[in-house]
Amino acid sequence: MILYLSRKIKRSNKLIKAKCKRTNEGFVVLKGSMIEKVDSNAIPKSIKELREKLRKNNEIVNGKIIKNYLFNSPSYASSFILGMHTNGRTDWKTKDDITLKELEEKEIQ
């Protein structure tokens, strides 16, 4: 299942768009996804370090990641993209605008 994230970031005044695939291993942010250039002050340390590593290794080209990245939670995946704490269960949505949270609640029933 492909999930989508789209959010306008106030820090940079840019619209960030990304794609993610939910797998048995976790959440894979797909190459070609946009990534916010500016980190928030309140960002998980591990996410900040990964984003810095990608910048140093030129793995972000024209504001987009050049390979897939696996995360164990939807929130870490969205925090990686947006450069700030986020709720991935509400940020990631289907093409029909259904949140991951809504999908998970339907699956439980």
C-alpha atoms as a PDB file:
ATOM      1  CA  MET A   1       0.000   0.000   0.000  1.00  0.00           C
ATOM      2  CA  ILE A   2       1.335   3.420  -0.992  1.00  0.00           C
ATOM      3  CA  LEU A   3       0.706   6.329   1.379  1.00  0.00           C
ATOM      4  CA  TYR A   4       1.162  10.011   0.622  1.00  0.00           C
ATOM      5  CA  LEU A   5       2.250  13.004   2.665  1.00  0.00           C
ATOM      6  CA  SER A   6       1.722  16.602   1.612  1.00  0.00           C
ATOM      7  CA  ARG A   7       2.361  19.542   3.917  1.00  0.00           C
ATOM      8  CA  LYS A   8       3.329  23.189   3.560  1.00  0.00           C
ATOM      9  CA  ILE A   9       6.224  23.960   5.888  1.00  0.00           C
ATOM     10  CA  LYS A  10       6.247  27.396   7.496  1.00  0.00           C
ATOM     11  CA  ARG A  11      10.023  27.365   8.160  1.00  0.00           C
ATOM     12  CA  SER A  12      10.852  27.198   4.457  1.00  0.00           C
ATOM     13  CA  ASN A  13       7.486  28.154   2.931  1.00  0.00           C
ATOM     14  CA  LYS A  14       7.644  25.033   0.722  1.00  0.00           C
ATOM     15  CA  LEU A  15       5.088  22.350  -0.043  1.00  0.00           C
ATOM     16  CA  ILE A  16       6.704  19.001   0.747  1.00  0.00           C
ATOM     17  CA  LYS A  17       5.329  15.864  -0.914  1.00  0.00           C
ATOM     18  CA  ALA A  18       6.441  12.312  -0.210  1.00  0.00           C
ATOM     19  CA  LYS A  19       5.435   8.698  -0.734  1.00  0.00           C
ATOM     20  CA  CYS A  20       5.717   5.812   1.674  1.00  0.00           C
ATOM     21  CA  LYS A  21       5.012   2.103   1.413  1.00  0.00           C
ATOM     22  CA  ARG A  22       3.762   0.139   4.412  1.00  0.00           C
ATOM     23  CA  THR A  23       5.483  -3.261   4.514  1.00  0.00           C
ATOM     24  CA  ASN A  24       5.900  -6.118   6.999  1.00  0.00           C
ATOM     25  CA  GLU A  25       9.268  -4.605   7.970  1.00  0.00           C
ATOM     26  CA  GLY A  26       7.917  -1.098   8.575  1.00  0.00           C
ATOM     27  CA  PHE A  27       7.458   2.075   6.565  1.00  0.00           C
ATOM     28  CA  VAL A  28       9.616   2.647   3.503  1.00  0.00           C
ATOM     29  CA  VAL A  29       9.926   6.257   2.374  1.00  0.00           C
ATOM     30  CA  LEU A  30      10.306   6.000  -1.395  1.00  0.00           C
ATOM     31  CA  LYS A  31      13.107   7.511  -3.443  1.00  0.00           C
ATOM     32  CA  GLY A  32      12.077  10.674  -5.217  1.00  0.00           C
ATOM     33  CA  SER A  33      10.195  11.901  -2.146  1.00  0.00           C
ATOM     34  CA  MET A  34      10.794  15.519  -1.253  1.00  0.00           C
ATOM     35  CA  ILE A  35      12.537  16.298   2.031  1.00  0.00           C
ATOM     36  CA  GLU A  36      12.399  19.535   4.027  1.00  0.00           C
ATOM     37  CA  LYS A  37      15.820  21.199   4.055  1.00  0.00           C
ATOM     38  CA  VAL A  38      15.481  22.994   7.403  1.00  0.00           C
ATOM     39  CA  ASP A  39      15.414  20.967  10.631  1.00  0.00           C
ATOM     40  CA  SER A  40      13.170  21.987  13.505  1.00  0.00           C
ATOM     41  CA  ASN A  41      14.873  22.494  16.862  1.00  0.00           C
ATOM     42  CA  ALA A  42      12.628  19.752  18.264  1.00  0.00           C
ATOM     43  CA  ILE A  43      13.509  16.773  16.097  1.00  0.00           C
ATOM     44  CA  PRO A  44      14.442  13.272  17.298  1.00  0.00           C
ATOM     45  CA  LYS A  45      18.236  12.970  17.538  1.00  0.00           C
ATOM     46  CA  SER A  46      18.375   9.825  15.378  1.00  0.00           C
ATOM     47  CA  ILE A  47      16.354  11.527  12.622  1.00  0.00           C
ATOM     48  CA  LYS A  48      18.537  14.640  12.779  1.00  0.00           C
ATOM     49  CA  GLU A  49      21.687  12.510  12.482  1.00  0.00           C
ATOM     50  CA  LEU A  50      20.288  10.586   9.499  1.00  0.00           C
ATOM     51  CA  ARG A  51      19.292  13.802   7.719  1.00  0.00           C
ATOM     52  CA  GLU A  52      22.789  15.269   8.335  1.00  0.00           C
ATOM     53  CA  LYS A  53      24.416  12.082   7.009  1.00  0.00           C
ATOM     54  CA  LEU A  54      22.339  12.245   3.813  1.00  0.00           C
ATOM     55  CA  ARG A  55      23.313  15.873   3.262  1.00  0.00           C
ATOM     56  CA  LYS A  56      27.015  15.084   3.715  1.00  0.00           C
ATOM     57  CA  ASN A  57      26.835  12.058   1.407  1.00  0.00           C
ATOM     58  CA  ASN A  58      24.887  13.945  -1.296  1.00  0.00           C
ATOM     59  CA  GLU A  59      21.958  11.542  -1.001  1.00  0.00           C
ATOM     60  CA  ILE A  60      19.528  14.435  -1.327  1.00  0.00           C
ATOM     61  CA  VAL A  61      19.435  15.873  -4.849  1.00  0.00           C
ATOM     62  CA  ASN A  62      17.272  18.856  -5.775  1.00  0.00           C
ATOM     63  CA  GLY A  63      15.381  18.518  -2.496  1.00  0.00           C
ATOM     64  CA  LYS A  64      14.580  14.816  -3.047  1.00  0.00           C
ATOM     65  CA  ILE A  65      15.987  11.604  -1.592  1.00  0.00           C
ATOM     66  CA  ILE A  66      17.730   9.340  -4.093  1.00  0.00           C
ATOM     67  CA  LYS A  67      17.003   5.976  -2.451  1.00  0.00           C
ATOM     68  CA  ASN A  68      14.434   4.271  -0.220  1.00  0.00           C
ATOM     69  CA  TYR A  69      14.662   4.467   3.589  1.00  0.00           C
ATOM     70  CA  LEU A  70      13.034   2.066   6.048  1.00  0.00           C
ATOM     71  CA  PHE A  71      11.585   3.262   9.374  1.00  0.00           C
ATOM     72  CA  ASN A  72       9.941   1.267  12.130  1.00  0.00           C
ATOM     73  CA  SER A  73       7.069   3.718  12.599  1.00  0.00           C
ATOM     74  CA  PRO A  74       4.991   6.058  10.448  1.00  0.00           C
ATOM     75  CA  SER A  75       5.889   8.977  12.723  1.00  0.00           C
ATOM     76  CA  TYR A  76       9.640   8.456  12.263  1.00  0.00           C
ATOM     77  CA  ALA A  77       9.058   8.273   8.516  1.00  0.00           C
ATOM     78  CA  SER A  78       7.131  11.556   8.476  1.00  0.00           C
ATOM     79  CA  SER A  79       9.580  13.215  10.899  1.00  0.00           C
ATOM     80  CA  PHE A  80      12.406  12.231   8.551  1.00  0.00           C
ATOM     81  CA  ILE A  81      10.634  13.910   5.620  1.00  0.00           C
ATOM     82  CA  LEU A  82       9.411  17.018   7.440  1.00  0.00           C
ATOM     83  CA  GLY A  83      12.384  17.602   9.761  1.00  0.00           C
ATOM     84  CA  MET A  84      10.207  17.891  12.861  1.00  0.00           C
ATOM     85  CA  HIS A  85       8.100  15.868  15.307  1.00  0.00           C
ATOM     86  CA  THR A  86       4.922  14.718  13.577  1.00  0.00           C
ATOM     87  CA  ASN A  87       2.142  12.184  13.940  1.00  0.00           C
ATOM     88  CA  GLY A  88       2.654   9.806  11.044  1.00  0.00           C
ATOM     89  CA  ARG A  89      -0.693   8.118  11.657  1.00  0.00           C
ATOM     90  CA  THR A  90      -2.434  11.341  10.626  1.00  0.00           C
ATOM     91  CA  ASP A  91       0.162  12.719   8.184  1.00  0.00           C
ATOM     92  CA  TRP A  92       0.298   9.685   5.874  1.00  0.00           C
ATOM     93  CA  LYS A  93      -2.834   9.233   3.765  1.00  0.00           C
ATOM     94  CA  THR A  94      -4.097   7.121   0.901  1.00  0.00           C
ATOM     95  CA  LYS A  95      -4.709   8.642  -2.526  1.00  0.00           C
ATOM     96  CA  ASP A  96      -8.351   8.920  -1.383  1.00  0.00           C
ATOM     97  CA  ASP A  97      -7.288  11.109   1.590  1.00  0.00           C
ATOM     98  CA  ILE A  98      -7.904   8.427   4.236  1.00  0.00           C
ATOM     99  CA  THR A  99      -5.398   8.679   7.091  1.00  0.00           C
ATOM    100  CA  LEU A 100      -3.298   5.738   8.219  1.00  0.00           C
ATOM    101  CA  LYS A 101      -5.040   6.052  11.588  1.00  0.00           C
ATOM    102  CA  GLU A 102      -8.442   5.590   9.938  1.00  0.00           C
ATOM    103  CA  LEU A 103      -7.150   2.582   7.972  1.00  0.00           C
ATOM    104  CA  GLU A 104      -5.748   0.950  11.099  1.00  0.00           C
ATOM    105  CA  GLU A 105      -8.999   1.509  12.981  1.00  0.00           C
ATOM    106  CA  LYS A 106     -10.942  -0.182  10.152  1.00  0.00           C
ATOM    107  CA  GLU A 107      -8.511  -3.124  10.170  1.00  0.00           C
ATOM    108  CA  ILE A 108      -9.107  -3.701  13.886  1.00  0.00           C
ATOM    109  CA  GLN A 109     -12.889  -3.947  13.508  1.00  0.00           C
END
